[in-house]
């Protein structure tokens, strides 16, 4: 699971570290907060293991079960 977060960080950096808008971030966090896989104590995902307060900010990241997607086009 840590490997997945490392992969997400590398993709984020490789694409110029794009951050989503405040509205996009709030939408993502709301979806995660209501998800059956979220671990509320750590706000980490039970599917990928990522800390969602960080991952949800990355414009290159997506939900591992496709509840939200990337906000930028892949290079």
PDB file of N, CA and C in Angstrom:
ATOM      1  N   UNK A   1       0.817  -1.199   0.000  1.00  0.00           N
ATOM      2  CA  UNK A   1       0.000   0.000   0.000  1.00  0.00           C
ATOM      3  C   UNK A   1       0.864   1.267   0.000  1.00  0.00           C
ATOM      4  N   UNK A   2       1.987   1.229   0.690  1.00  0.00           N
ATOM      5  CA  UNK A   2       2.891   2.383   0.684  1.00  0.00           C
ATOM      6  C   UNK A   2       3.450   2.571  -0.723  1.00  0.00           C
ATOM      7  N   UNK A   3       3.668   1.491  -1.422  1.00  0.00           N
ATOM      8  CA  UNK A   3       4.174   1.570  -2.789  1.00  0.00           C
ATOM      9  C   UNK A   3       3.216   2.365  -3.669  1.00  0.00           C
ATOM     10  N   UNK A   4       1.904   2.191  -3.486  1.00  0.00           N
ATOM     11  CA  UNK A   4       0.917   2.918  -4.280  1.00  0.00           C
ATOM     12  C   UNK A   4       1.040   4.419  -4.055  1.00  0.00           C
ATOM     13  N   UNK A   5       1.219   4.838  -2.806  1.00  0.00           N
ATOM     14  CA  UNK A   5       1.351   6.263  -2.522  1.00  0.00           C
ATOM     15  C   UNK A   5       2.637   6.812  -3.143  1.00  0.00           C
ATOM     16  N   UNK A   6       3.722   6.027  -3.092  1.00  0.00           N
ATOM     17  CA  UNK A   6       4.971   6.431  -3.727  1.00  0.00           C
ATOM     18  C   UNK A   6       4.802   6.613  -5.229  1.00  0.00           C
ATOM     19  N   UNK A   7       4.043   5.722  -5.852  1.00  0.00           N
ATOM     20  CA  UNK A   7       3.750   5.817  -7.282  1.00  0.00           C
ATOM     21  C   UNK A   7       2.950   7.080  -7.578  1.00  0.00           C
ATOM     22  N   UNK A   8       1.962   7.370  -6.726  1.00  0.00           N
ATOM     23  CA  UNK A   8       1.148   8.580  -6.906  1.00  0.00           C
ATOM     24  C   UNK A   8       1.985   9.850  -6.764  1.00  0.00           C
ATOM     25  N   UNK A   9       2.891   9.866  -5.795  1.00  0.00           N
ATOM     26  CA  UNK A   9       3.748  11.038  -5.593  1.00  0.00           C
ATOM     27  C   UNK A   9       4.668  11.233  -6.802  1.00  0.00           C
ATOM     28  N   UNK A  10       5.249  10.155  -7.286  1.00  0.00           N
ATOM     29  CA  UNK A  10       6.147  10.242  -8.446  1.00  0.00           C
ATOM     30  C   UNK A  10       5.405  10.790  -9.665  1.00  0.00           C
ATOM     31  N   UNK A  11       4.204  10.317  -9.907  1.00  0.00           N
ATOM     32  CA  UNK A  11       3.396  10.795 -11.040  1.00  0.00           C
ATOM     33  C   UNK A  11       3.068  12.276 -10.868  1.00  0.00           C
ATOM     34  N   UNK A  12       2.730  12.671  -9.660  1.00  0.00           N
ATOM     35  CA  UNK A  12       2.417  14.062  -9.327  1.00  0.00           C
ATOM     36  C   UNK A  12       3.609  14.969  -9.644  1.00  0.00           C
ATOM     37  N   UNK A  13       4.790  14.592  -9.188  1.00  0.00           N
ATOM     38  CA  UNK A  13       6.000  15.382  -9.402  1.00  0.00           C
ATOM     39  C   UNK A  13       6.369  15.404 -10.891  1.00  0.00           C
ATOM     40  N   UNK A  14       6.302  14.253 -11.545  1.00  0.00           N
ATOM     41  CA  UNK A  14       6.644  14.137 -12.969  1.00  0.00           C
ATOM     42  C   UNK A  14       5.779  15.051 -13.834  1.00  0.00           C
ATOM     43  N   UNK A  15       4.547  15.309 -13.406  1.00  0.00           N
ATOM     44  CA  UNK A  15       3.617  16.145 -14.166  1.00  0.00           C
ATOM     45  C   UNK A  15       3.604  17.604 -13.712  1.00  0.00           C
ATOM     46  N   UNK A  16       4.607  18.014 -12.937  1.00  0.00           N
ATOM     47  CA  UNK A  16       4.721  19.409 -12.540  1.00  0.00           C
ATOM     48  C   UNK A  16       3.979  19.760 -11.267  1.00  0.00           C
ATOM     49  N   UNK A  17       3.614  18.776 -10.470  1.00  0.00           N
ATOM     50  CA  UNK A  17       2.954  18.956  -9.175  1.00  0.00           C
ATOM     51  C   UNK A  17       1.649  19.761  -9.253  1.00  0.00           C
ATOM     52  N   UNK A  18       0.719  19.360 -10.126  1.00  0.00           N
ATOM     53  CA  UNK A  18      -0.551  20.100 -10.232  1.00  0.00           C
ATOM     54  C   UNK A  18      -1.468  19.837  -9.030  1.00  0.00           C
ATOM     55  N   UNK A  19      -1.948  20.917  -8.461  1.00  0.00           N
ATOM     56  CA  UNK A  19      -2.866  20.853  -7.324  1.00  0.00           C
ATOM     57  C   UNK A  19      -4.277  21.138  -7.837  1.00  0.00           C
ATOM     58  N   UNK A  20      -5.255  20.397  -7.323  1.00  0.00           N
ATOM     59  CA  UNK A  20      -6.644  20.642  -7.713  1.00  0.00           C
ATOM     60  C   UNK A  20      -7.145  21.939  -7.077  1.00  0.00           C
ATOM     61  N   UNK A  21      -8.259  22.443  -7.574  1.00  0.00           N
ATOM     62  CA  UNK A  21      -8.850  23.649  -6.988  1.00  0.00           C
ATOM     63  C   UNK A  21      -9.425  23.322  -5.619  1.00  0.00           C
ATOM     64  N   UNK A  22      -9.724  24.349  -4.866  1.00  0.00           N
ATOM     65  CA  UNK A  22     -10.314  24.162  -3.538  1.00  0.00           C
ATOM     66  C   UNK A  22     -11.639  23.406  -3.649  1.00  0.00           C
ATOM     67  N   UNK A  23     -12.447  23.752  -4.654  1.00  0.00           N
ATOM     68  CA  UNK A  23     -13.727  23.084  -4.861  1.00  0.00           C
ATOM     69  C   UNK A  23     -13.563  21.622  -5.214  1.00  0.00           C
ATOM     70  N   UNK A  24     -12.602  21.319  -6.088  1.00  0.00           N
ATOM     71  CA  UNK A  24     -12.342  19.924  -6.459  1.00  0.00           C
ATOM     72  C   UNK A  24     -11.872  19.131  -5.241  1.00  0.00           C
ATOM     73  N   UNK A  25     -10.999  19.758  -4.448  1.00  0.00           N
ATOM     74  CA  UNK A  25     -10.497  19.104  -3.237  1.00  0.00           C
ATOM     75  C   UNK A  25     -11.642  18.801  -2.268  1.00  0.00           C
ATOM     76  N   UNK A  26     -12.496  19.782  -2.037  1.00  0.00           N
ATOM     77  CA  UNK A  26     -13.615  19.578  -1.118  1.00  0.00           C
ATOM     78  C   UNK A  26     -14.556  18.487  -1.617  1.00  0.00           C
ATOM     79  N   UNK A  27     -14.778  18.424  -2.926  1.00  0.00           N
ATOM     80  CA  UNK A  27     -15.609  17.363  -3.498  1.00  0.00           C
ATOM     81  C   UNK A  27     -14.977  16.000  -3.257  1.00  0.00           C
ATOM     82  N   UNK A  28     -13.691  15.888  -3.536  1.00  0.00           N
ATOM     83  CA  UNK A  28     -12.988  14.618  -3.331  1.00  0.00           C
ATOM     84  C   UNK A  28     -13.044  14.180  -1.868  1.00  0.00           C
ATOM     85  N   UNK A  29     -12.740  15.115  -0.968  1.00  0.00           N
ATOM     86  CA  UNK A  29     -12.738  14.781   0.462  1.00  0.00           C
ATOM     87  C   UNK A  29     -14.133  14.365   0.924  1.00  0.00           C
ATOM     88  N   UNK A  30     -15.160  15.029   0.413  1.00  0.00           N
ATOM     89  CA  UNK A  30     -16.527  14.649   0.746  1.00  0.00           C
ATOM     90  C   UNK A  30     -16.863  13.239   0.288  1.00  0.00           C
ATOM     91  N   UNK A  31     -16.410  12.887  -0.907  1.00  0.00           N
ATOM     92  CA  UNK A  31     -16.636  11.537  -1.421  1.00  0.00           C
ATOM     93  C   UNK A  31     -15.893  10.524  -0.552  1.00  0.00           C
ATOM     94  N   UNK A  32     -14.649  10.825  -0.228  1.00  0.00           N
ATOM     95  CA  UNK A  32     -13.869   9.917   0.626  1.00  0.00           C
ATOM     96  C   UNK A  32     -14.503   9.773   2.011  1.00  0.00           C
ATOM     97  N   UNK A  33     -14.941  10.877   2.571  1.00  0.00           N
ATOM     98  CA  UNK A  33     -15.527  10.856   3.910  1.00  0.00           C
ATOM     99  C   UNK A  33     -16.757   9.960   3.979  1.00  0.00           C
ATOM    100  N   UNK A  34     -17.509   9.886   2.887  1.00  0.00           N
ATOM    101  CA  UNK A  34     -18.722   9.063   2.851  1.00  0.00           C
ATOM    102  C   UNK A  34     -18.449   7.623   2.387  1.00  0.00           C
ATOM    103  N   UNK A  35     -17.225   7.342   1.973  1.00  0.00           N
ATOM    104  CA  UNK A  35     -16.892   6.026   1.404  1.00  0.00           C
ATOM    105  C   UNK A  35     -16.781   4.962   2.495  1.00  0.00           C
ATOM    106  N   UNK A  36     -17.238   3.782   2.140  1.00  0.00           N
ATOM    107  CA  UNK A  36     -17.184   2.641   3.064  1.00  0.00           C
ATOM    108  C   UNK A  36     -15.756   2.154   3.317  1.00  0.00           C
ATOM    109  N   UNK A  37     -14.799   2.567   2.508  1.00  0.00           N
ATOM    110  CA  UNK A  37     -13.418   2.101   2.647  1.00  0.00           C
ATOM    111  C   UNK A  37     -12.516   3.062   3.421  1.00  0.00           C
ATOM    112  N   UNK A  38     -13.026   4.246   3.780  1.00  0.00           N
ATOM    113  CA  UNK A  38     -12.180   5.220   4.471  1.00  0.00           C
ATOM    114  C   UNK A  38     -11.962   4.795   5.926  1.00  0.00           C
ATOM    115  N   UNK A  39     -10.744   4.957   6.376  1.00  0.00           N
ATOM    116  CA  UNK A  39     -10.406   4.714   7.788  1.00  0.00           C
ATOM    117  C   UNK A  39     -10.425   6.078   8.459  1.00  0.00           C
ATOM    118  N   UNK A  40     -11.508   6.385   9.136  1.00  0.00           N
ATOM    119  CA  UNK A  40     -11.731   7.738   9.648  1.00  0.00           C
ATOM    120  C   UNK A  40     -10.668   8.202  10.646  1.00  0.00           C
ATOM    121  N   UNK A  41     -10.131   7.297  11.430  1.00  0.00           N
ATOM    122  CA  UNK A  41      -9.137   7.700  12.437  1.00  0.00           C
ATOM    123  C   UNK A  41      -7.897   8.308  11.784  1.00  0.00           C
ATOM    124  N   UNK A  42      -7.451   7.734  10.677  1.00  0.00           N
ATOM    125  CA  UNK A  42      -6.249   8.219   9.987  1.00  0.00           C
ATOM    126  C   UNK A  42      -6.565   8.905   8.670  1.00  0.00           C
ATOM    127  N   UNK A  43      -7.817   8.895   8.260  1.00  0.00           N
ATOM    128  CA  UNK A  43      -8.303   9.373   6.970  1.00  0.00           C
ATOM    129  C   UNK A  43      -7.472   8.800   5.830  1.00  0.00           C
ATOM    130  N   UNK A  44      -7.240   7.482   5.942  1.00  0.00           N
ATOM    131  CA  UNK A  44      -6.544   6.766   4.876  1.00  0.00           C
ATOM    132  C   UNK A  44      -7.523   5.825   4.186  1.00  0.00           C
ATOM    133  N   UNK A  45      -7.188   5.475   2.963  1.00  0.00           N
ATOM    134  CA  UNK A  45      -8.052   4.632   2.148  1.00  0.00           C
ATOM    135  C   UNK A  45      -7.780   3.160   2.436  1.00  0.00           C
ATOM    136  N   UNK A  46      -8.817   2.402   2.659  1.00  0.00           N
ATOM    137  CA  UNK A  46      -8.689   0.977   2.887  1.00  0.00           C
ATOM    138  C   UNK A  46      -8.367   0.194   1.628  1.00  0.00           C
ATOM    139  N   UNK A  47      -8.494   0.816   0.468  1.00  0.00           N
ATOM    140  CA  UNK A  47      -8.194   0.147  -0.798  1.00  0.00           C
ATOM    141  C   UNK A  47      -6.745   0.361  -1.229  1.00  0.00           C
ATOM    142  N   UNK A  48      -6.256   1.595  -1.167  1.00  0.00           N
ATOM    143  CA  UNK A  48      -4.889   1.871  -1.633  1.00  0.00           C
ATOM    144  C   UNK A  48      -3.929   2.184  -0.485  1.00  0.00           C
ATOM    145  N   UNK A  49      -4.464   2.503   0.689  1.00  0.00           N
ATOM    146  CA  UNK A  49      -3.626   2.800   1.845  1.00  0.00           C
ATOM    147  C   UNK A  49      -3.142   4.234   1.937  1.00  0.00           C
ATOM    148  N   UNK A  50      -3.489   5.058   0.965  1.00  0.00           N
ATOM    149  CA  UNK A  50      -3.010   6.442   0.924  1.00  0.00           C
ATOM    150  C   UNK A  50      -3.719   7.329   1.938  1.00  0.00           C
ATOM    151  N   UNK A  51      -2.986   8.345   2.413  1.00  0.00           N
ATOM    152  CA  UNK A  51      -3.582   9.388   3.234  1.00  0.00           C
ATOM    153  C   UNK A  51      -4.349  10.286   2.286  1.00  0.00           C
ATOM    154  N   UNK A  52      -5.646  10.350   2.445  1.00  0.00           N
ATOM    155  CA  UNK A  52      -6.482  11.047   1.475  1.00  0.00           C
ATOM    156  C   UNK A  52      -6.446  12.563   1.622  1.00  0.00           C
ATOM    157  N   UNK A  53      -6.042  13.091   2.777  1.00  0.00           N
ATOM    158  CA  UNK A  53      -5.908  14.542   2.889  1.00  0.00           C
ATOM    159  C   UNK A  53      -4.792  15.040   1.979  1.00  0.00           C
ATOM    160  N   UNK A  54      -3.816  14.183   1.693  1.00  0.00           N
ATOM    161  CA  UNK A  54      -2.743  14.543   0.753  1.00  0.00           C
ATOM    162  C   UNK A  54      -3.101  14.145  -0.668  1.00  0.00           C
ATOM    163  N   UNK A  55      -3.461  12.888  -0.868  1.00  0.00           N
ATOM    164  CA  UNK A  55      -3.714  12.381  -2.214  1.00  0.00           C
ATOM    165  C   UNK A  55      -4.818  13.159  -2.925  1.00  0.00           C
ATOM    166  N   UNK A  56      -5.828  13.594  -2.198  1.00  0.00           N
ATOM    167  CA  UNK A  56      -6.949  14.317  -2.805  1.00  0.00           C
ATOM    168  C   UNK A  56      -6.535  15.675  -3.374  1.00  0.00           C
ATOM    169  N   UNK A  57      -5.377  16.183  -2.971  1.00  0.00           N
ATOM    170  CA  UNK A  57      -4.874  17.459  -3.491  1.00  0.00           C
ATOM    171  C   UNK A  57      -4.164  17.308  -4.828  1.00  0.00           C
ATOM    172  N   UNK A  58      -3.701  16.111  -5.135  1.00  0.00           N
ATOM    173  CA  UNK A  58      -2.906  15.870  -6.344  1.00  0.00           C
ATOM    174  C   UNK A  58      -3.794  15.819  -7.574  1.00  0.00           C
ATOM    175  N   UNK A  59      -3.547  16.686  -8.531  1.00  0.00           N
ATOM    176  CA  UNK A  59      -4.318  16.699  -9.768  1.00  0.00           C
ATOM    177  C   UNK A  59      -4.130  15.449 -10.614  1.00  0.00           C
ATOM    178  N   UNK A  60      -3.096  14.693 -10.332  1.00  0.00           N
ATOM    179  CA  UNK A  60      -2.803  13.479 -11.099  1.00  0.00           C
ATOM    180  C   UNK A  60      -3.359  12.215 -10.449  1.00  0.00           C
ATOM    181  N   UNK A  61      -3.910  12.336  -9.260  1.00  0.00           N
ATOM    182  CA  UNK A  61      -4.400  11.163  -8.534  1.00  0.00           C
ATOM    183  C   UNK A  61      -5.851  10.845  -8.858  1.00  0.00           C
ATOM    184  N   UNK A  62      -6.207   9.596  -8.612  1.00  0.00           N
ATOM    185  CA  UNK A  62      -7.598   9.185  -8.761  1.00  0.00           C
ATOM    186  C   UNK A  62      -7.926   8.174  -7.677  1.00  0.00           C
ATOM    187  N   UNK A  63      -9.187   8.061  -7.398  1.00  0.00           N
ATOM    188  CA  UNK A  63      -9.678   7.095  -6.431  1.00  0.00           C
ATOM    189  C   UNK A  63      -9.406   5.674  -6.963  1.00  0.00           C
ATOM    190  N   UNK A  64      -8.941   4.759  -6.110  1.00  0.00           N
ATOM    191  CA  UNK A  64      -8.653   3.409  -6.587  1.00  0.00           C
ATOM    192  C   UNK A  64      -9.901   2.632  -7.022  1.00  0.00           C
ATOM    193  N   UNK A  65     -11.078   3.093  -6.612  1.00  0.00           N
ATOM    194  CA  UNK A  65     -12.313   2.419  -7.047  1.00  0.00           C
ATOM    195  C   UNK A  65     -13.172   3.363  -7.894  1.00  0.00           C
ATOM    196  N   UNK A  66     -12.516   4.344  -8.492  1.00  0.00           N
ATOM    197  CA  UNK A  66     -13.110   5.253  -9.482  1.00  0.00           C
ATOM    198  C   UNK A  66     -14.297   6.087  -8.996  1.00  0.00           C
ATOM    199  N   UNK A  67     -14.245   6.534  -7.746  1.00  0.00           N
ATOM    200  CA  UNK A  67     -15.284   7.449  -7.261  1.00  0.00           C
ATOM    201  C   UNK A  67     -14.972   8.891  -7.647  1.00  0.00           C
ATOM    202  N   UNK A  68     -13.702   9.194  -7.922  1.00  0.00           N
ATOM    203  CA  UNK A  68     -13.272  10.472  -8.484  1.00  0.00           C
ATOM    204  C   UNK A  68     -12.000  10.225  -9.278  1.00  0.00           C
ATOM    205  N   UNK A  69     -11.749  11.110 -10.254  1.00  0.00           N
ATOM    206  CA  UNK A  69     -10.635  10.897 -11.164  1.00  0.00           C
ATOM    207  C   UNK A  69      -9.676  12.053 -11.235  1.00  0.00           C
ATOM    208  N   UNK A  70      -8.720  11.948 -12.145  1.00  0.00           N
ATOM    209  CA  UNK A  70      -7.718  12.995 -12.311  1.00  0.00           C
ATOM    210  C   UNK A  70      -8.347  14.229 -12.920  1.00  0.00           C
ATOM    211  N   UNK A  71      -7.757  15.361 -12.675  1.00  0.00           N
ATOM    212  CA  UNK A  71      -8.272  16.630 -13.181  1.00  0.00           C
ATOM    213  C   UNK A  71      -7.420  17.164 -14.322  1.00  0.00           C
ATOM    214  N   UNK A  72      -6.338  16.454 -14.662  1.00  0.00           N
ATOM    215  CA  UNK A  72      -5.487  16.886 -15.761  1.00  0.00           C
ATOM    216  C   UNK A  72      -5.357  15.775 -16.776  1.00  0.00           C
ATOM    217  N   UNK A  73      -4.987  16.138 -17.975  1.00  0.00           N
ATOM    218  CA  UNK A  73      -4.773  15.132 -19.010  1.00  0.00           C
ATOM    219  C   UNK A  73      -3.401  14.500 -18.825  1.00  0.00           C
ATOM    220  N   UNK A  74      -3.313  13.218 -19.053  1.00  0.00           N
ATOM    221  CA  UNK A  74      -2.039  12.520 -18.959  1.00  0.00           C
ATOM    222  C   UNK A  74      -1.133  12.966 -20.097  1.00  0.00           C
ATOM    223  N   UNK A  75       0.146  13.075 -19.806  1.00  0.00           N
ATOM    224  CA  UNK A  75       1.140  13.476 -20.809  1.00  0.00           C
ATOM    225  C   UNK A  75       1.605  12.260 -21.562  1.00  0.00           C
TER     226      UNK A  75
END
